[in-house]
Protein backbone atom coordinates (compact mmCIF):
# COMPACT_ATOMS: atom_id res chain seq x y z
CA THR A 1 25.31 -0.64 -5.95
CA PRO A 2 27.93 0.80 -8.60
CA ASP A 3 30.44 -1.63 -7.04
CA GLY A 4 28.39 -4.41 -7.40
CA GLU A 5 28.27 -5.75 -4.10
CA ASP A 6 25.15 -6.14 -2.23
CA ASP A 7 26.21 -4.69 1.08
CA GLN A 8 23.84 -6.73 3.60
CA ARG A 9 23.21 -7.08 7.41
CA ASP A 10 22.00 -10.71 8.74
CA GLY A 11 20.68 -11.60 5.65
CA GLN A 12 18.62 -8.44 4.92
CA PRO A 13 20.18 -4.99 2.66
CA ALA A 14 21.75 -2.29 4.67
CA ALA A 15 18.42 -0.11 4.62
CA VAL A 16 18.22 3.39 5.97
CA ALA A 17 15.04 4.38 8.56
CA GLU A 18 15.76 3.48 11.88
CA GLY A 19 12.68 2.49 13.02
CA VAL A 20 9.15 0.25 12.59
CA VAL A 21 6.81 1.17 9.61
CA GLY A 22 3.42 -0.64 8.93
CA PRO A 23 2.50 -2.46 5.81
CA HIS A 24 0.53 0.54 4.03
CA ALA A 25 3.65 2.74 4.85
CA ALA A 26 6.31 0.52 3.88
CA GLY A 27 6.55 0.44 0.18
CA VAL A 28 10.20 1.02 -0.62
CA VAL A 29 11.84 -1.76 -3.02
CA HIS A 30 15.86 -2.82 -2.96
CA HIS A 31 16.62 -0.92 -5.44
CA ILE A 32 16.24 2.48 -3.57
CA VAL A 33 17.97 0.94 -0.87
CA GLN A 34 20.65 0.27 -3.17
CA ALA A 35 21.01 3.69 -4.25
CA ALA A 36 20.95 5.21 -1.31
CA GLU A 37 23.81 2.80 0.01
CA THR A 38 26.55 5.09 -2.00
CA GLY A 39 25.65 8.10 0.38
CA ASP A 40 26.39 10.69 -2.86
CA HIS A 41 23.03 11.94 -3.32
CA ALA A 42 22.76 13.49 -6.77
CA ALA A 43 26.42 14.50 -6.45
CA HIS A 44 26.82 13.78 -10.26
CA ALA A 45 24.28 16.58 -10.99
CA GLY A 46 26.60 19.08 -9.32
CA GLY A 47 23.38 20.14 -7.09
CA GLN A 48 20.38 19.21 -4.89
CA VAL A 49 17.47 17.57 -6.37
CA LEU A 50 14.31 19.47 -5.94
CA ILE A 51 10.65 16.86 -5.37
CA PRO A 52 7.83 18.86 -6.25
CA GLY A 53 5.55 16.96 -3.80
CA ASP A 54 3.33 15.21 -6.52
CA VAL A 55 2.20 11.96 -4.74
CA ASP A 56 -1.04 10.21 -4.44
CA ALA A 57 -2.68 6.66 -3.31
CA GLY A 58 -1.89 5.22 -6.34
CA GLY A 59 2.39 6.09 -6.39
CA VAL A 60 4.01 8.85 -7.96
CA ARG A 61 2.93 10.30 -11.06
CA GLY A 62 3.76 13.14 -13.34
CA ARG A 63 6.69 15.33 -13.09
CA GLY A 64 7.70 13.93 -9.08
CA ALA A 65 7.85 10.82 -10.74
CA LEU A 66 10.54 11.93 -13.10
CA ALA A 67 11.96 14.01 -10.35
CA HIS A 68 12.40 10.65 -8.47
CA ALA A 69 13.55 8.46 -10.65
CA ALA A 70 16.37 11.29 -11.39
CA GLN A 71 17.32 10.79 -7.63
CA VAL A 72 17.51 6.82 -7.86
CA GLN A 73 19.96 6.99 -10.95
CA ALA A 74 21.96 9.85 -9.25
CA ALA A 75 22.30 8.40 -6.24
CA ALA A 76 23.38 5.07 -7.88
CA GLY A 77 25.56 6.88 -9.88
CA LEU A 78 24.21 5.55 -13.64
CA VAL A 79 23.16 9.15 -14.96
CA GLU A 80 24.32 12.63 -14.69
CA VAL A 81 20.84 15.08 -13.89
CA PRO A 82 21.08 17.89 -15.02
CA VAL A 83 20.42 20.79 -12.71
CA GLN A 84 19.30 24.20 -13.68
CA ARG A 85 20.47 26.81 -10.80
CA ASP A 86 18.83 29.65 -9.92
CA GLY A 87 20.85 32.99 -8.43
CA ALA A 88 20.50 31.84 -5.18
CA GLY A 89 22.37 28.89 -6.23
CA ASN A 90 19.60 26.60 -5.86
CA GLY A 91 19.12 23.67 -8.34
CA GLU A 92 15.69 21.98 -9.86
CA VAL A 93 15.60 19.01 -12.34
CA GLU A 94 14.99 19.86 -15.88
CA GLU A 95 11.97 17.86 -16.45
CA GLU A 96 13.77 16.66 -20.14
CA ALA A 97 16.63 15.50 -17.57
CA VAL A 98 15.19 12.24 -18.05
CA ALA A 99 13.73 10.99 -21.14
CA GLU A 100 10.01 9.47 -20.68
CA GLU A 101 10.71 5.99 -21.78
CA ASP A 102 13.45 5.87 -19.05
CA ALA A 103 11.12 7.11 -16.99
CA ALA A 104 8.78 4.03 -17.37
CA ASP A 105 11.39 1.91 -15.80
CA HIS A 106 11.86 3.91 -12.97
CA ARG A 107 8.19 4.01 -12.23
CA ASN A 108 8.35 -0.04 -12.03
CA VAL A 109 10.42 0.63 -9.15
CA LEU A 110 8.66 3.80 -7.40
CA GLN A 111 5.36 2.04 -8.10
CA ALA A 112 5.64 0.06 -4.82
CA LEU A 113 5.92 3.33 -2.33
CA GLY A 114 2.11 3.26 -2.16
CA GLU A 115 0.36 6.05 0.02
CA GLY A 116 2.70 8.42 1.61
CA GLY A 117 4.97 7.87 -1.15
CA VAL A 118 7.18 10.91 -0.88
CA LEU A 119 7.61 10.04 3.29
CA GLU A 120 9.12 6.60 2.67
CA VAL A 121 11.33 7.93 -0.15
CA ALA A 122 12.65 10.61 2.34
CA LEU A 123 13.19 7.81 5.04
CA GLU A 124 15.28 5.55 2.73
CA HIS A 125 17.21 7.95 -0.06
CA ILE A 126 17.39 11.81 0.97
CA ALA A 127 19.49 14.80 0.47
CA HIS A 128 22.84 15.09 2.19
CA GLY A 129 25.00 18.27 2.61
CA ASP A 130 24.05 21.67 2.89
CA VAL A 131 20.42 22.05 1.50
CA ALA A 132 18.93 25.25 1.22
CA VAL A 133 15.61 24.03 -0.32
CA LEU A 134 14.05 20.44 0.90
CA ALA A 135 10.52 19.11 0.13
CA HIS A 136 8.85 18.15 4.03
CA ALA A 137 9.47 14.71 3.37
CA HIS A 138 13.21 15.38 3.36
CA ILE A 139 12.67 17.68 6.57
CA LEU A 140 11.14 14.63 8.46
CA ALA A 141 13.93 12.39 7.39
CA ASP A 142 16.73 14.22 8.45
CA GLU A 143 15.25 15.72 11.81
CA LEU A 144 14.52 11.96 12.45
CA ALA A 145 18.10 11.34 12.30
CA ASP A 146 19.58 14.02 13.97
CA ALA A 147 16.64 12.95 16.88
CA ARG A 148 17.88 9.26 16.92
CA ALA A 149 21.54 10.20 16.92
CA GLU A 150 21.27 12.84 19.80
CA ASP A 151 19.49 9.75 21.18
CA GLY A 152 22.60 7.73 21.66
CA GLN A 153 22.88 5.92 18.11
CA ARG A 154 25.48 7.59 16.94
CA GLN A 155 27.75 6.05 19.73
CA THR A 156 26.80 2.60 18.49
CA GLY A 157 26.99 3.27 13.81
CA ASP A 158 23.20 3.15 13.88
CA VAL A 159 23.17 6.31 12.51
CA LEU A 160 26.34 7.79 10.69
CA VAL A 161 27.94 10.89 9.78
CA GLY A 162 28.95 12.62 6.94
CA PRO A 163 27.21 11.56 3.43
CA GLU A 164 26.17 8.60 4.84
CA ARG A 165 24.11 9.80 8.26
CA HIS A 166 20.53 8.47 7.12
CA ARG A 167 21.57 4.81 6.78
CA GLN A 168 19.24 3.37 9.67
CA GLU A 169 17.71 0.27 9.27
CA ALA A 170 14.07 -0.02 8.88
CA ILE A 171 11.91 -3.26 9.63
CA GLN A 172 8.33 -3.46 8.16
CA GLN A 173 5.74 -5.70 9.64
CA ALA A 174 2.63 -7.10 8.67
CA HIS A 175 1.00 -5.16 10.66
CA GLU A 176 0.62 -1.75 12.66
CA GLN A 177 0.26 -2.86 15.89
CA ALA A 178 3.17 -5.31 15.70
CA ALA A 179 5.29 -2.35 14.46
CA CYS A 180 4.21 -0.31 17.51
CA HIS A 181 4.62 -3.45 19.66
CA ALA A 182 8.10 -3.60 18.03
CA ALA A 183 9.32 0.13 18.50
CA ASP A 184 7.83 -0.29 22.39
CA GLY A 185 10.42 -3.27 22.85
CA TYR A 186 13.31 -1.52 21.03
CA SER A 187 13.18 1.02 23.17
CA ARG A 188 12.26 -0.98 26.59
CA THR A 189 15.53 -2.83 25.92
CA THR A 190 18.01 -0.23 24.55
CA GLY A 191 16.83 2.79 26.72
CA ARG A 192 16.73 4.89 23.08
CA THR A 193 13.31 6.07 21.52
CA GLY A 194 11.46 3.85 19.24
CA VAL A 195 9.84 5.28 16.21
CA VAL A 196 6.97 3.36 14.67
CA ILE A 197 4.94 5.01 10.97
CA ALA A 198 2.05 4.13 9.94
CA THR A 199 -0.44 5.71 7.07
CA SER A 200 -3.55 7.12 8.26
CA GLY A 201 -6.85 5.89 9.28
CA PRO A 202 -7.15 1.95 10.14
CA GLY A 203 -3.25 2.37 9.88
CA ALA A 204 -3.08 5.02 12.55
CA THR A 205 -5.82 3.26 14.70
CA ASN A 206 -3.71 -0.15 14.82
CA LEU A 207 -1.41 1.74 16.44
CA VAL A 208 -3.63 2.51 19.45
CA THR A 209 -2.87 -0.27 21.93
CA GLY A 210 1.13 0.03 21.40
CA ILE A 211 1.11 3.81 22.31
CA ALA A 212 -1.26 2.75 24.94
CA THR A 213 1.25 -0.29 26.23
CA ALA A 214 3.93 2.12 25.95
CA TYR A 215 1.92 5.22 28.01
CA MET A 216 1.24 3.21 30.99
CA ASP A 217 4.67 1.92 31.56
CA SER A 218 6.55 5.01 30.61
CA ILE A 219 8.41 3.61 27.28
CA PRO A 220 9.78 6.85 24.81
CA MET A 221 8.42 6.35 21.88
CA VAL A 222 7.31 8.59 18.54
CA ALA A 223 4.54 7.56 16.38
CA ILE A 224 4.44 9.15 12.78
CA THR A 225 1.15 8.90 11.36
CA GLY A 226 -0.16 10.20 7.86
CA ASN A 227 -3.67 12.04 7.26
CA VAL A 228 -5.24 13.21 4.26
CA THR A 229 -4.69 16.78 3.07
CA ARG A 230 -5.41 19.88 5.11
CA ASP A 231 -8.40 20.64 2.70
CA LEU A 232 -10.27 17.26 3.37
CA LEU A 233 -9.58 17.57 7.18
CA GLY A 234 -12.86 17.40 9.29
CA LEU A 235 -14.85 16.32 6.72
CA ASP A 236 -14.96 12.80 6.57
CA SER A 237 -12.78 11.72 4.06
CA PHE A 238 -11.72 8.54 2.71
CA GLN A 239 -9.47 6.71 5.68
CA GLU A 240 -9.70 9.78 7.55
CA VAL A 241 -9.98 9.99 11.39
CA ASP A 242 -9.04 12.27 14.34
CA ILE A 243 -6.11 10.23 15.41
CA CYS A 244 -5.01 13.14 17.67
CA GLY A 245 -8.17 13.06 20.00
CA ILE A 246 -8.01 9.12 19.78
CA THR A 247 -4.94 8.93 21.11
CA MET A 248 -4.92 12.03 23.72
CA PRO A 249 -5.35 10.56 26.51
CA ILE A 250 -2.45 8.10 25.72
CA THR A 251 0.42 10.03 24.55
CA LYS A 252 2.38 12.54 26.82
CA HIS A 253 1.83 15.23 23.80
CA ASN A 254 0.68 15.26 20.07
CA TYR A 255 0.13 17.16 17.29
CA ILE A 256 -1.09 17.76 13.61
CA VAL A 257 0.99 19.84 11.54
CA LYS A 258 -0.52 22.33 9.76
CA ASP A 259 1.65 24.80 9.28
CA PRO A 260 4.75 23.00 7.20
CA ALA A 261 7.38 25.45 8.61
CA GLU A 262 6.34 23.94 12.23
CA LEU A 263 7.28 20.21 10.79
CA ALA A 264 11.23 19.87 11.80
CA ASP A 265 10.73 22.03 15.10
CA ILE A 266 7.62 19.53 15.96
CA ILE A 267 9.93 16.60 15.01
CA ARG A 268 12.72 17.84 17.50
CA GLU A 269 10.38 18.50 20.47
CA ALA A 270 8.48 15.53 19.96
CA PHE A 271 11.56 13.28 20.73
CA TYR A 272 12.62 15.90 23.53
CA ILE A 273 9.40 15.26 25.15
CA ALA A 274 9.33 11.62 25.07
CA ASN A 275 12.51 11.33 27.10
CA GLU A 276 12.16 14.74 29.67
CA GLY A 277 10.66 14.05 32.89
CA ARG A 278 8.76 10.55 33.14
CA LYS A 279 9.05 9.16 29.31
CA GLY A 280 6.12 8.27 27.27
CA PRO A 281 4.86 8.27 23.65
CA VAL A 282 4.16 11.48 21.87
CA LEU A 283 2.41 11.18 18.44
CA ILE A 284 2.82 13.63 14.99
CA ASP A 285 0.12 13.79 12.46
CA ILE A 286 1.96 14.71 8.96
CA PRO A 287 -1.14 15.59 6.36
CA LYS A 288 -0.34 14.36 3.05
CA ASP A 289 0.18 17.57 1.62
CA ILE A 290 2.81 18.53 3.87
CA THR A 291 5.24 15.67 3.14
CA GLY A 292 5.41 17.18 -0.48
CA ALA A 293 5.58 21.04 0.55
CA LEU A 294 9.08 23.00 -0.33
CA MET A 295 10.49 25.37 2.61
CA VAL A 296 13.81 27.40 3.34
CA TYR A 297 14.86 24.74 5.90
CA GLU A 298 17.15 25.89 9.20
CA LYS A 299 19.28 22.89 10.61
CA LYS A 300 19.55 23.00 14.16
CA GLU A 301 20.84 20.67 16.90
CA PRO A 302 18.33 19.08 18.93
CA LYS A 303 17.96 20.00 22.44
CA LYS A 304 19.83 17.61 24.92
CA VAL A 305 17.39 16.23 27.25
CA VAL A 306 18.30 17.18 31.18
CA ASN A 307 16.31 16.30 34.36
CA HIS A 308 16.16 19.39 35.73
CA ASN A 309 15.24 18.57 39.35
CA PRO A 310 12.99 20.93 41.23
CA GLU A 311 13.72 23.69 43.52
CA GLY A 312 14.46 21.95 47.18
CA ILE A 313 15.25 19.21 46.08
CA ASN A 314 18.47 18.63 48.36
CA GLU A 315 16.75 19.89 51.13
CA GLU A 316 14.27 16.82 50.48
CA ILE A 317 16.84 14.39 50.20
CA ALA A 318 18.89 15.22 52.82
CA ALA A 319 15.58 14.50 55.16
CA ALA A 320 15.45 11.36 53.91
CA ALA A 321 18.96 10.52 54.36
CA GLU A 322 18.06 11.30 58.47
CA LEU A 323 15.26 8.85 57.90
CA ILE A 324 17.40 6.25 56.11
CA LYS A 325 20.28 6.97 58.80
CA ASN A 326 18.02 6.37 61.62
CA ALA A 327 16.01 3.15 60.65
CA GLU A 328 16.65 0.05 62.31
CA LYS A 329 15.13 -2.21 59.99
CA PRO A 330 15.07 -0.46 56.42
CA PHE A 331 13.08 -2.03 53.26
CA ILE A 332 13.97 -1.30 50.16
CA TYR A 333 11.10 -1.35 46.89
CA ALA A 334 12.11 -0.33 43.61
CA GLY A 335 10.25 -0.13 40.30
CA GLY A 336 10.79 0.70 36.79
CA GLY A 337 11.40 3.96 37.15
CA VAL A 338 15.49 2.97 38.27
CA VAL A 339 15.40 1.13 35.08
CA SER A 340 14.16 3.90 32.62
CA ALA A 341 16.45 6.21 34.53
CA ASP A 342 19.82 4.29 33.83
CA ALA A 343 19.86 4.20 37.69
CA THR A 344 20.81 0.92 37.90
CA GLU A 345 24.54 1.34 39.25
CA GLU A 346 23.22 3.64 41.73
CA MET A 347 20.70 1.48 42.98
CA ALA A 348 23.43 -1.04 44.20
CA GLU A 349 25.41 1.10 45.91
CA PHE A 350 22.97 2.25 47.53
CA VAL A 351 21.81 -1.03 48.84
CA ARG A 352 25.13 -1.73 49.59
CA LYS A 353 25.50 1.42 51.76
CA VAL A 354 21.96 0.78 53.42
CA ASP A 355 22.43 -2.74 53.96
CA ALA A 356 18.40 -3.95 53.55
CA PRO A 357 16.35 -6.21 51.96
CA VAL A 358 14.86 -5.13 48.62
CA SER A 359 12.11 -6.28 46.52
CA LEU A 360 11.18 -5.46 42.91
CA SER A 361 8.51 -4.46 40.86
CA LEU A 362 6.86 -6.62 37.92
CA MET A 363 8.76 -3.05 35.67
CA GLY A 364 11.85 -3.34 37.99
CA GLN A 365 12.90 -6.96 37.79
CA CYS A 366 16.66 -5.49 35.62
CA ALA A 367 16.93 -2.65 38.67
CA LEU A 368 19.19 -5.39 40.54
CA ASP A 369 21.02 -8.34 40.12
CA ASN A 370 18.17 -10.93 41.26
CA THR A 371 21.21 -13.31 42.65
CA LYS A 372 22.28 -11.16 45.40
CA ASP A 373 21.29 -12.09 48.93
CA CYS A 374 19.47 -9.03 49.54
CA TYR A 375 16.88 -10.04 46.71
CA ILE A 376 13.75 -11.36 48.22
CA GLY A 377 10.99 -11.38 45.49
CA MET A 378 8.48 -9.78 44.09
CA LEU A 379 5.80 -7.89 46.69
CA GLY A 380 1.91 -8.03 46.25
CA MET A 381 -0.36 -10.20 44.61
CA HIS A 382 2.11 -11.99 42.61
CA GLY A 383 4.75 -11.42 45.24
CA THR A 384 6.68 -13.85 47.89
CA LYS A 385 5.73 -14.54 51.39
CA THR A 386 9.52 -13.20 52.15
CA ALA A 387 8.48 -9.76 50.98
CA ALA A 388 5.16 -9.49 52.46
CA MET A 389 6.67 -10.71 55.92
CA THR A 390 9.37 -7.99 55.55
CA LEU A 391 6.60 -5.67 54.44
CA SER A 392 5.01 -6.18 57.78
CA GLU A 393 8.18 -6.18 60.07
CA CYS A 394 10.19 -3.29 58.62
CA ASP A 395 10.11 0.39 60.55
CA LEU A 396 11.00 2.25 57.15
CA MET A 397 9.94 1.44 53.46
CA ILE A 398 12.01 3.28 51.07
CA VAL A 399 10.33 3.39 47.46
CA LEU A 400 12.44 4.03 44.01
CA GLY A 401 10.26 4.59 41.14
CA SER A 402 7.26 3.11 41.39
CA ARG A 403 3.85 4.06 41.72
CA PHE A 404 2.34 1.83 43.73
CA SER A 405 -0.04 -0.15 41.67
CA ASP A 406 -3.13 -2.39 42.45
CA ARG A 407 -1.18 -5.72 41.91
CA VAL A 408 0.87 -4.31 44.57
CA LEU A 409 -1.17 -2.88 47.00
CA CYS A 410 -3.83 -5.38 46.92
CA ASN A 411 -5.66 -3.15 49.72
CA ALA A 412 -4.58 0.16 49.77
CA LYS A 413 -6.53 0.76 53.33
CA THR A 414 -4.17 -2.26 54.85
CA PHE A 415 -0.78 -1.43 53.17
CA ALA A 416 1.98 -0.50 55.09
CA LYS A 417 -0.61 0.90 57.93
CA ASP A 418 1.52 2.94 60.61
CA LYS A 419 4.77 2.63 58.33
CA LYS A 420 7.28 5.24 57.30
CA ILE A 421 7.62 5.74 53.91
CA ILE A 422 9.63 7.84 51.49
CA HIS A 423 8.72 8.01 48.43
CA ILE A 424 10.70 9.17 45.53
CA ASP A 425 9.98 9.43 41.66
CA ILE A 426 10.26 11.63 39.09
CA ASP A 427 6.37 12.43 38.54
CA PRO A 428 4.72 14.48 41.18
CA ALA A 429 1.01 13.14 40.23
CA GLU A 430 2.46 10.03 41.73
CA ILE A 431 3.51 11.01 45.28
CA GLY A 432 0.42 10.52 47.23
CA LYS A 433 -1.78 9.37 44.66
CA ASN A 434 -2.67 5.57 45.44
CA ILE A 435 -1.48 6.09 49.09
CA ASP A 436 -0.24 8.21 51.71
CA VAL A 437 3.41 8.74 52.37
CA TYR A 438 5.47 9.64 55.15
CA SER A 439 7.90 11.56 53.21
CA HIS A 440 8.59 12.67 49.40
CA VAL A 441 11.78 13.39 47.22
CA THR A 442 10.27 14.34 43.68
CA GLY A 443 13.12 14.14 40.95
CA ASP A 444 15.46 12.21 38.97
CA VAL A 445 15.95 8.82 40.79
CA LYS A 446 19.87 8.56 39.30
CA TYR A 447 20.33 11.97 40.86
CA ILE A 448 18.84 11.28 43.98
CA LEU A 449 20.41 8.02 44.85
CA ALA A 450 23.73 9.30 44.14
CA LYS A 451 23.08 12.25 46.38
CA LEU A 452 21.91 9.64 48.85
CA CYS A 453 24.88 7.85 48.79
CA GLU A 454 27.43 10.96 49.08
CA LEU A 455 25.18 11.45 52.45
CA LEU A 456 25.06 8.38 53.67
CA PRO A 457 27.69 6.24 55.77
CA ASP A 458 28.15 2.33 55.29
CA MET A 459 25.12 1.22 57.33
CA LYS A 460 24.66 -2.31 58.92
CA HIS A 461 21.60 -3.74 60.07
CA GLU A 462 22.89 -7.57 60.50
CA ALA A 463 20.01 -8.96 63.44
CA TRP A 464 17.36 -7.30 60.74
CA MET A 465 19.00 -8.89 57.57
CA ASN A 466 19.46 -12.44 59.21
CA THR A 467 15.70 -12.28 60.07
CA VAL A 468 14.73 -11.63 56.65
CA MET A 469 17.10 -14.29 55.16
CA ASP A 470 15.95 -16.89 57.88
CA TRP A 471 12.70 -15.96 55.96
CA LYS A 472 13.74 -16.62 52.43
CA LYS A 473 14.84 -19.87 53.25
CA GLN A 474 11.86 -20.70 55.34
CA TYR A 475 9.35 -19.30 52.33
CA ALA A 476 11.13 -19.82 49.29
CA LEU A 477 9.10 -20.57 46.41
CA ARG A 478 9.03 -24.24 45.85
CA MET A 479 7.02 -26.54 42.98
CA VAL A 480 5.09 -29.32 44.15
CA PRO A 481 7.01 -32.63 42.49
CA ILE A 482 6.11 -34.44 39.64
CA GLU A 483 6.19 -38.24 39.46
CA SER A 484 5.89 -38.79 35.92
CA GLU A 485 8.91 -38.94 33.62
CA ASP A 486 7.20 -37.75 30.89
CA GLU A 487 5.72 -34.58 32.32
CA VAL A 488 7.31 -31.41 33.24
CA LEU A 489 6.65 -27.90 34.96
CA PRO A 490 6.52 -24.83 33.50
CA GLN A 491 8.72 -23.40 36.29
CA ASP A 492 11.46 -26.14 35.88
CA VAL A 493 11.57 -24.90 32.35
CA ILE A 494 12.25 -21.26 33.18
CA GLU A 495 14.73 -22.51 35.67
CA GLU A 496 16.69 -24.38 33.27
CA LEU A 497 16.58 -21.20 30.67
CA ASP A 498 17.77 -19.24 33.43
CA ARG A 499 20.54 -22.08 33.96
CA LEU A 500 21.83 -21.98 30.64
CA THR A 501 21.73 -18.42 29.75
CA ASP A 502 23.70 -17.23 33.30
CA GLY A 503 20.33 -14.85 33.46
CA LYS A 504 21.75 -12.73 30.72
CA ALA A 505 19.19 -13.19 27.82
CA ILE A 506 16.31 -10.76 27.27
CA ILE A 507 13.26 -12.11 28.21
CA ALA A 508 9.86 -11.10 26.42
CA THR A 509 6.77 -12.49 27.79
CA GLU A 510 2.66 -12.33 26.94
CA VAL A 511 0.88 -11.02 29.93
CA GLY A 512 -0.35 -14.32 32.18
CA GLN A 513 0.89 -16.82 34.63
CA HIS A 514 3.74 -17.15 32.31
CA GLN A 515 5.01 -14.31 32.67
CA MET A 516 4.67 -14.19 36.72
CA TRP A 517 6.62 -17.18 36.33
CA ALA A 518 9.15 -15.86 34.05
CA ALA A 519 9.18 -13.15 36.89
CA GLN A 520 9.62 -15.59 39.90
CA TYR A 521 12.42 -18.23 38.39
CA TYR A 522 14.38 -16.22 35.93
CA ASN A 523 17.26 -14.34 37.86
CA PHE A 524 17.59 -11.58 35.91
CA LYS A 525 21.49 -10.09 36.15
CA CYS A 526 21.04 -7.40 33.27
CA PRO A 527 19.26 -3.97 33.04
CA ARG A 528 16.75 -3.82 29.70
CA SER A 529 16.61 -7.87 29.90
CA PHE A 530 12.94 -7.91 30.84
CA ALA A 531 10.34 -6.62 28.28
CA SER A 532 6.61 -7.28 29.29
CA SER A 533 3.63 -5.11 29.81
CA GLY A 534 2.92 -3.92 33.21
CA GLY A 535 0.35 -1.59 33.14
CA LEU A 536 -1.95 -2.18 30.34
CA GLY A 537 -1.26 -5.97 30.55
CA THR A 538 -1.72 -6.22 26.35
CA MET A 539 -1.45 -9.69 24.91
């Protein structure tokens, strides 16, 4: 940096592209990171540097290399770059601005850019201020920053406003699948939209398992892939694959950008779709020539995500409230939808109001403090006997943000037979899909729980709760003791981990028996502290 200081966070350069990038798309060197730290892109030139889209798999070449080199030096404050302006006030770098002998050094900096070079430069080193004309790669970075800031990160400092507004951390992984899982995990534990970037062909197909994992668990994520130039699409070109066709069943929506003018709007819309309603992944496939095209760019504010509840929802809520008031043995079962909707506070108040035993699905482990007396463990194949007994004896089951998976139902024909079930979920497709229900409310569970708390009095079910608590003591999870001092049970390890962390650590698991032990023996106290593949069972 110009002042000689090496700004680092946790031993890593303070980089500029929040999200996770695969190895083939990650070619950004420390010099560019340092240059971008100044937040004064092309300021010494008195105008904006335009970047011709002259990139190939070997890196930046020709006039594009000179323009990029000029950007690097100008951003770092090392040289002044002459800008020739037209009548509209737009500027373009004169080719003579950087001598050929100097450009050789800059090419050494830029040669690591690799395939999709303009895209990576854009994510790490982009134009600032009111810019009339931008390369589309810069528009991509600009819209990513805006979308992620709208997603709540401006409040935490991850996205900065003003000259440094695009400084976001880029995390490189050794494999695209790992990058996709990392973006997924970021979303699960923060509630923000994860972003993953990969190159075309095999880079894009390596994202498939990660995208499917996010889709099955309703995790908001935007996956961005490169592709061959538009004129080579559909010709079985080198590293060309129809990633949109491949991922259609496992995304909420996907795009292939055919018109440069649509790129900015597509990025804005992708973030909106990923977070609206039932959340999930969205894919944007960007042909290589799109990233280098020039256009007039109109800046717009990202559309705010508001889950509009359907007409008549208040009548459905009122009907559900009456069922709950009349129940003598209510049983609450909550899933990942409560966590996804950031409705854990409303959930806690609802549980207090209703005075009922609570079971949580695997995805809903963080929906309620597991140390509360009313929590009786999971339900179903890996559940507790207490939860099974409670289900068999209740007169009303209240299901919140859960989809009745086969691991919970075990046998759909006999599950909760002759019981009244209220199903509350944001996705109308889940109502009645796996099991018939007596009543339902379709909408945002956070809004619904808040409304129910307004309508319900403080209820007491003392006899029912005493019975359930007796079951909880009688059928508590137990481990067979080991006499040897040299051996230890895995359940003991998890209980000790729970004690050492006071139930407040973020726990990430693979899939298998240890995953079940973690859910059974770790007492989760905080929202978004359990990161585990529920639907796809990704290992």
